[in-house]
Amino acid sequence: MTDGILEVLLVHPGGPLWANKDAGAWSITKGEFDETEDPFEAALREYREEVGQAINGKMIQLSPIKQKSGKVVYAWAAEGNIDPKSIKSNTFELEWPPRSGKKQRVPEIDKGEWFSVPTAKTKINKYQSALIDELITRLNLSPSQIRDKPNKGSVAQQQDTFSKH
């Protein structure tokens, strides 16, 4: 990557619980799967459901991480350039406020955004931060490629990181 800076795509969870949360609330795309579904195929499905588009290209498998909840997240990364404004997430039904009996449909994710590595590491769920670290190592990036975004005119290589858990 010549004169480039790595950016990662993160998504923000939808719904009223997450509406005013930012630091530590963002995530890679991810979701549930069972033992009958191939982990990689589940990751592709979840990305499609949450972003509204398929992902293609060379996939880099990252090491699984365990979140605070105990869920294990399996992740892959691929070079991409999705426009965050084009993201159209699936929705789910939520009772809100809790135990109110009132149900509403909310998007699984309400937005996505490309972040430089330093910014992404402040935004992402702290347990998923290791995925960014591993991606940097696997891509063999120098410190100049993982800094904050430069002034206009520079080229950035973007990585879609997606997973299933």
C-alpha atoms as a PDB file:
ATOM      1  CA  MET A   1       0.000   0.000   0.000  1.00  0.00           C
ATOM      2  CA  THR A   2       1.888   3.045  -1.229  1.00  0.00           C
ATOM      3  CA  ASP A   3       1.308   6.288   0.643  1.00  0.00           C
ATOM      4  CA  GLY A   4      -1.949   4.796   1.954  1.00  0.00           C
ATOM      5  CA  ILE A   5      -3.557   4.820   5.344  1.00  0.00           C
ATOM      6  CA  LEU A   6      -5.648   1.909   6.559  1.00  0.00           C
ATOM      7  CA  GLU A   7      -9.289   2.596   7.352  1.00  0.00           C
ATOM      8  CA  VAL A   8     -11.732   0.081   8.795  1.00  0.00           C
ATOM      9  CA  LEU A   9     -15.485  -0.032   8.379  1.00  0.00           C
ATOM     10  CA  LEU A  10     -17.361  -0.139  11.667  1.00  0.00           C
ATOM     11  CA  VAL A  11     -21.087  -0.191  12.281  1.00  0.00           C
ATOM     12  CA  HIS A  12     -23.139   1.337  15.077  1.00  0.00           C
ATOM     13  CA  PRO A  13     -25.952  -0.733  16.595  1.00  0.00           C
ATOM     14  CA  GLY A  14     -29.478   0.530  16.044  1.00  0.00           C
ATOM     15  CA  GLY A  15     -32.235   1.039  18.553  1.00  0.00           C
ATOM     16  CA  PRO A  16     -32.868   3.334  21.492  1.00  0.00           C
ATOM     17  CA  LEU A  17     -30.448   1.583  23.845  1.00  0.00           C
ATOM     18  CA  TRP A  18     -27.490   2.570  21.639  1.00  0.00           C
ATOM     19  CA  ALA A  19     -28.769   5.934  20.368  1.00  0.00           C
ATOM     20  CA  ASN A  20     -26.512   8.106  22.548  1.00  0.00           C
ATOM     21  CA  LYS A  21     -23.534   5.760  22.852  1.00  0.00           C
ATOM     22  CA  ASP A  22     -20.396   6.240  20.775  1.00  0.00           C
ATOM     23  CA  ALA A  23     -17.000   5.319  22.258  1.00  0.00           C
ATOM     24  CA  GLY A  24     -16.823   1.547  22.626  1.00  0.00           C
ATOM     25  CA  ALA A  25     -20.251   1.041  21.034  1.00  0.00           C
ATOM     26  CA  TRP A  26     -19.198   0.497  17.411  1.00  0.00           C
ATOM     27  CA  SER A  27     -18.517  -2.984  16.072  1.00  0.00           C
ATOM     28  CA  ILE A  28     -17.624  -5.035  13.063  1.00  0.00           C
ATOM     29  CA  THR A  29     -20.654  -6.600  11.383  1.00  0.00           C
ATOM     30  CA  LYS A  30     -21.517  -9.778  13.222  1.00  0.00           C
ATOM     31  CA  GLY A  31     -24.330 -12.072  14.213  1.00  0.00           C
ATOM     32  CA  GLU A  32     -25.471 -15.408  15.528  1.00  0.00           C
ATOM     33  CA  PHE A  33     -25.178 -18.769  13.805  1.00  0.00           C
ATOM     34  CA  ASP A  34     -25.709 -22.382  14.767  1.00  0.00           C
ATOM     35  CA  GLU A  35     -23.668 -25.554  14.261  1.00  0.00           C
ATOM     36  CA  THR A  36     -25.418 -26.314  10.960  1.00  0.00           C
ATOM     37  CA  GLU A  37     -24.103 -23.137   9.295  1.00  0.00           C
ATOM     38  CA  ASP A  38     -20.546 -22.724   8.047  1.00  0.00           C
ATOM     39  CA  PRO A  39     -18.890 -19.871  10.004  1.00  0.00           C
ATOM     40  CA  PHE A  40     -17.614 -18.139   6.868  1.00  0.00           C
ATOM     41  CA  GLU A  41     -20.996 -18.409   5.116  1.00  0.00           C
ATOM     42  CA  ALA A  42     -22.670 -17.061   8.276  1.00  0.00           C
ATOM     43  CA  ALA A  43     -20.296 -14.097   8.254  1.00  0.00           C
ATOM     44  CA  LEU A  44     -21.108 -13.347   4.624  1.00  0.00           C
ATOM     45  CA  ARG A  45     -24.838 -13.604   5.381  1.00  0.00           C
ATOM     46  CA  GLU A  46     -24.595 -11.305   8.396  1.00  0.00           C
ATOM     47  CA  TYR A  47     -22.649  -8.714   6.409  1.00  0.00           C
ATOM     48  CA  ARG A  48     -25.307  -8.803   3.677  1.00  0.00           C
ATOM     49  CA  GLU A  49     -28.119  -8.476   6.238  1.00  0.00           C
ATOM     50  CA  GLU A  50     -26.532  -5.627   8.208  1.00  0.00           C
ATOM     51  CA  VAL A  51     -25.047  -3.639   5.331  1.00  0.00           C
ATOM     52  CA  GLY A  52     -27.513  -4.520   2.586  1.00  0.00           C
ATOM     53  CA  GLN A  53     -24.785  -5.511   0.130  1.00  0.00           C
ATOM     54  CA  ALA A  54     -22.609  -8.511  -0.568  1.00  0.00           C
ATOM     55  CA  ILE A  55     -18.890  -8.426   0.070  1.00  0.00           C
ATOM     56  CA  ASN A  56     -16.361  -9.991  -2.285  1.00  0.00           C
ATOM     57  CA  GLY A  57     -12.668 -10.074  -2.811  1.00  0.00           C
ATOM     58  CA  LYS A  58      -9.805 -11.831  -1.120  1.00  0.00           C
ATOM     59  CA  MET A  59     -10.768 -12.636   2.461  1.00  0.00           C
ATOM     60  CA  ILE A  60      -8.290 -12.551   5.342  1.00  0.00           C
ATOM     61  CA  GLN A  61      -9.334 -14.825   8.190  1.00  0.00           C
ATOM     62  CA  LEU A  62      -8.551 -13.328  11.591  1.00  0.00           C
ATOM     63  CA  SER A  63      -8.152 -15.154  14.895  1.00  0.00           C
ATOM     64  CA  PRO A  64     -11.326 -15.597  16.954  1.00  0.00           C
ATOM     65  CA  ILE A  65     -11.798 -13.291  19.946  1.00  0.00           C
ATOM     66  CA  LYS A  66     -13.991 -13.681  23.028  1.00  0.00           C
ATOM     67  CA  GLN A  67     -16.243 -10.807  24.049  1.00  0.00           C
ATOM     68  CA  LYS A  68     -17.174  -9.901  27.634  1.00  0.00           C
ATOM     69  CA  SER A  69     -20.441 -11.843  27.237  1.00  0.00           C
ATOM     70  CA  GLY A  70     -18.419 -14.993  26.515  1.00  0.00           C
ATOM     71  CA  LYS A  71     -19.471 -15.086  22.861  1.00  0.00           C
ATOM     72  CA  VAL A  72     -16.682 -16.058  20.502  1.00  0.00           C
ATOM     73  CA  VAL A  73     -16.407 -13.878  17.393  1.00  0.00           C
ATOM     74  CA  TYR A  74     -14.874 -15.282  14.206  1.00  0.00           C
ATOM     75  CA  ALA A  75     -13.862 -12.546  11.769  1.00  0.00           C
ATOM     76  CA  TRP A  76     -12.615 -11.948   8.240  1.00  0.00           C
ATOM     77  CA  ALA A  77     -11.412  -8.814   6.480  1.00  0.00           C
ATOM     78  CA  ALA A  78     -11.500  -7.818   2.832  1.00  0.00           C
ATOM     79  CA  GLU A  79     -10.478  -4.740   0.908  1.00  0.00           C
ATOM     80  CA  GLY A  80     -13.502  -2.669  -0.031  1.00  0.00           C
ATOM     81  CA  ASN A  81     -14.879   0.791  -0.593  1.00  0.00           C
ATOM     82  CA  ILE A  82     -18.560   0.690   0.374  1.00  0.00           C
ATOM     83  CA  ASP A  83     -20.215   4.088   0.716  1.00  0.00           C
ATOM     84  CA  PRO A  84     -21.554   4.233   4.297  1.00  0.00           C
ATOM     85  CA  LYS A  85     -24.507   6.297   3.061  1.00  0.00           C
ATOM     86  CA  SER A  86     -25.614   3.291   0.983  1.00  0.00           C
ATOM     87  CA  ILE A  87     -25.887   0.958   3.991  1.00  0.00           C
ATOM     88  CA  LYS A  88     -29.393  -0.436   4.437  1.00  0.00           C
ATOM     89  CA  SER A  89     -29.674  -2.710   7.458  1.00  0.00           C
ATOM     90  CA  ASN A  90     -32.237  -5.352   8.235  1.00  0.00           C
ATOM     91  CA  THR A  91     -34.605  -4.633  11.142  1.00  0.00           C
ATOM     92  CA  PHE A  92     -35.825  -6.476  14.208  1.00  0.00           C
ATOM     93  CA  GLU A  93     -38.713  -6.072  16.611  1.00  0.00           C
ATOM     94  CA  LEU A  94     -37.901  -4.570  19.999  1.00  0.00           C
ATOM     95  CA  GLU A  95     -40.028  -3.954  23.059  1.00  0.00           C
ATOM     96  CA  TRP A  96     -39.248  -0.413  24.187  1.00  0.00           C
ATOM     97  CA  PRO A  97     -39.270   0.736  26.864  1.00  0.00           C
ATOM     98  CA  PRO A  98     -38.553  -2.665  28.409  1.00  0.00           C
ATOM     99  CA  ARG A  99     -41.641  -4.439  29.839  1.00  0.00           C
ATOM    100  CA  SER A 100     -43.903  -1.728  28.390  1.00  0.00           C
ATOM    101  CA  GLY A 101     -45.638  -3.982  25.884  1.00  0.00           C
ATOM    102  CA  LYS A 102     -44.851  -1.426  23.159  1.00  0.00           C
ATOM    103  CA  LYS A 103     -43.100  -2.963  20.174  1.00  0.00           C
ATOM    104  CA  GLN A 104     -41.237  -1.195  17.413  1.00  0.00           C
ATOM    105  CA  ARG A 105     -39.022  -2.183  14.480  1.00  0.00           C
ATOM    106  CA  VAL A 106     -35.473  -0.880  14.634  1.00  0.00           C
ATOM    107  CA  PRO A 107     -32.491  -1.349  12.315  1.00  0.00           C
ATOM    108  CA  GLU A 108     -29.875  -3.827  13.467  1.00  0.00           C
ATOM    109  CA  ILE A 109     -27.322  -1.126  12.672  1.00  0.00           C
ATOM    110  CA  ASP A 110     -28.196   2.542  12.295  1.00  0.00           C
ATOM    111  CA  LYS A 111     -25.026   3.659  10.527  1.00  0.00           C
ATOM    112  CA  GLY A 112     -21.608   2.635   9.328  1.00  0.00           C
ATOM    113  CA  GLU A 113     -18.475   4.677   8.918  1.00  0.00           C
ATOM    114  CA  TRP A 114     -14.863   4.357   7.793  1.00  0.00           C
ATOM    115  CA  PHE A 115     -12.383   5.176  10.557  1.00  0.00           C
ATOM    116  CA  SER A 116      -8.616   5.530  10.670  1.00  0.00           C
ATOM    117  CA  VAL A 117      -7.031   2.986  13.011  1.00  0.00           C
ATOM    118  CA  PRO A 118      -6.493   5.413  15.935  1.00  0.00           C
ATOM    119  CA  THR A 119     -10.107   6.577  15.754  1.00  0.00           C
ATOM    120  CA  ALA A 120     -11.471   3.052  15.182  1.00  0.00           C
ATOM    121  CA  LYS A 121      -9.714   1.838  18.313  1.00  0.00           C
ATOM    122  CA  THR A 122     -11.597   4.439  20.400  1.00  0.00           C
ATOM    123  CA  LYS A 123     -14.940   3.623  18.768  1.00  0.00           C
ATOM    124  CA  ILE A 124     -14.888  -0.193  18.603  1.00  0.00           C
ATOM    125  CA  ASN A 125     -16.022  -2.566  21.330  1.00  0.00           C
ATOM    126  CA  LYS A 126     -12.809  -3.037  23.328  1.00  0.00           C
ATOM    127  CA  TYR A 127     -12.858  -6.816  22.917  1.00  0.00           C
ATOM    128  CA  GLN A 128     -12.892  -6.448  19.125  1.00  0.00           C
ATOM    129  CA  SER A 129      -9.887  -4.108  19.112  1.00  0.00           C
ATOM    130  CA  ALA A 130      -7.607  -7.159  18.848  1.00  0.00           C
ATOM    131  CA  LEU A 131      -9.066  -7.806  15.385  1.00  0.00           C
ATOM    132  CA  ILE A 132      -7.737  -4.447  14.182  1.00  0.00           C
ATOM    133  CA  ASP A 133      -4.345  -5.180  15.734  1.00  0.00           C
ATOM    134  CA  GLU A 134      -4.154  -8.537  13.988  1.00  0.00           C
ATOM    135  CA  LEU A 135      -5.215  -7.010  10.658  1.00  0.00           C
ATOM    136  CA  ILE A 136      -2.391  -4.475  10.927  1.00  0.00           C
ATOM    137  CA  THR A 137       0.072  -7.295  11.598  1.00  0.00           C
ATOM    138  CA  ARG A 138      -1.283  -9.516   8.818  1.00  0.00           C
ATOM    139  CA  LEU A 139      -1.069  -6.631   6.314  1.00  0.00           C
ATOM    140  CA  ASN A 140       2.455  -5.848   7.551  1.00  0.00           C
ATOM    141  CA  LEU A 141       1.670  -2.138   7.851  1.00  0.00           C
ATOM    142  CA  SER A 142       4.085   0.525   9.007  1.00  0.00           C
ATOM    143  CA  PRO A 143       3.168   3.198  11.580  1.00  0.00           C
ATOM    144  CA  SER A 144       2.717   5.736   8.775  1.00  0.00           C
ATOM    145  CA  GLN A 145      -0.060   3.542   7.344  1.00  0.00           C
ATOM    146  CA  ILE A 146      -2.070   3.381  10.561  1.00  0.00           C
ATOM    147  CA  ARG A 147      -2.125   7.028  11.582  1.00  0.00           C
ATOM    148  CA  ASP A 148      -5.029   9.456  11.482  1.00  0.00           C
ATOM    149  CA  LYS A 149      -6.270  10.564   8.099  1.00  0.00           C
ATOM    150  CA  PRO A 150      -4.014  13.045   6.273  1.00  0.00           C
ATOM    151  CA  ASN A 151      -5.065  16.193   4.508  1.00  0.00           C
ATOM    152  CA  LYS A 152      -6.905  15.947   1.182  1.00  0.00           C
ATOM    153  CA  GLY A 153      -5.229  14.172  -1.687  1.00  0.00           C
ATOM    154  CA  SER A 154      -3.979  11.012   0.015  1.00  0.00           C
ATOM    155  CA  VAL A 155      -5.174   7.533  -0.872  1.00  0.00           C
ATOM    156  CA  ALA A 156      -6.484   5.222   1.848  1.00  0.00           C
ATOM    157  CA  GLN A 157      -6.830   1.462   1.599  1.00  0.00           C
ATOM    158  CA  GLN A 158     -10.071   0.457   3.271  1.00  0.00           C
ATOM    159  CA  GLN A 159     -10.810  -2.871   4.892  1.00  0.00           C
ATOM    160  CA  ASP A 160     -14.294  -4.256   5.492  1.00  0.00           C
ATOM    161  CA  THR A 161     -14.048  -6.441   8.574  1.00  0.00           C
ATOM    162  CA  PHE A 162     -16.962  -8.757   9.112  1.00  0.00           C
ATOM    163  CA  SER A 163     -17.643 -11.713  11.332  1.00  0.00           C
ATOM    164  CA  LYS A 164     -20.064 -14.071  12.904  1.00  0.00           C
ATOM    165  CA  HIS A 165     -20.318 -15.238  16.482  1.00  0.00           C
END
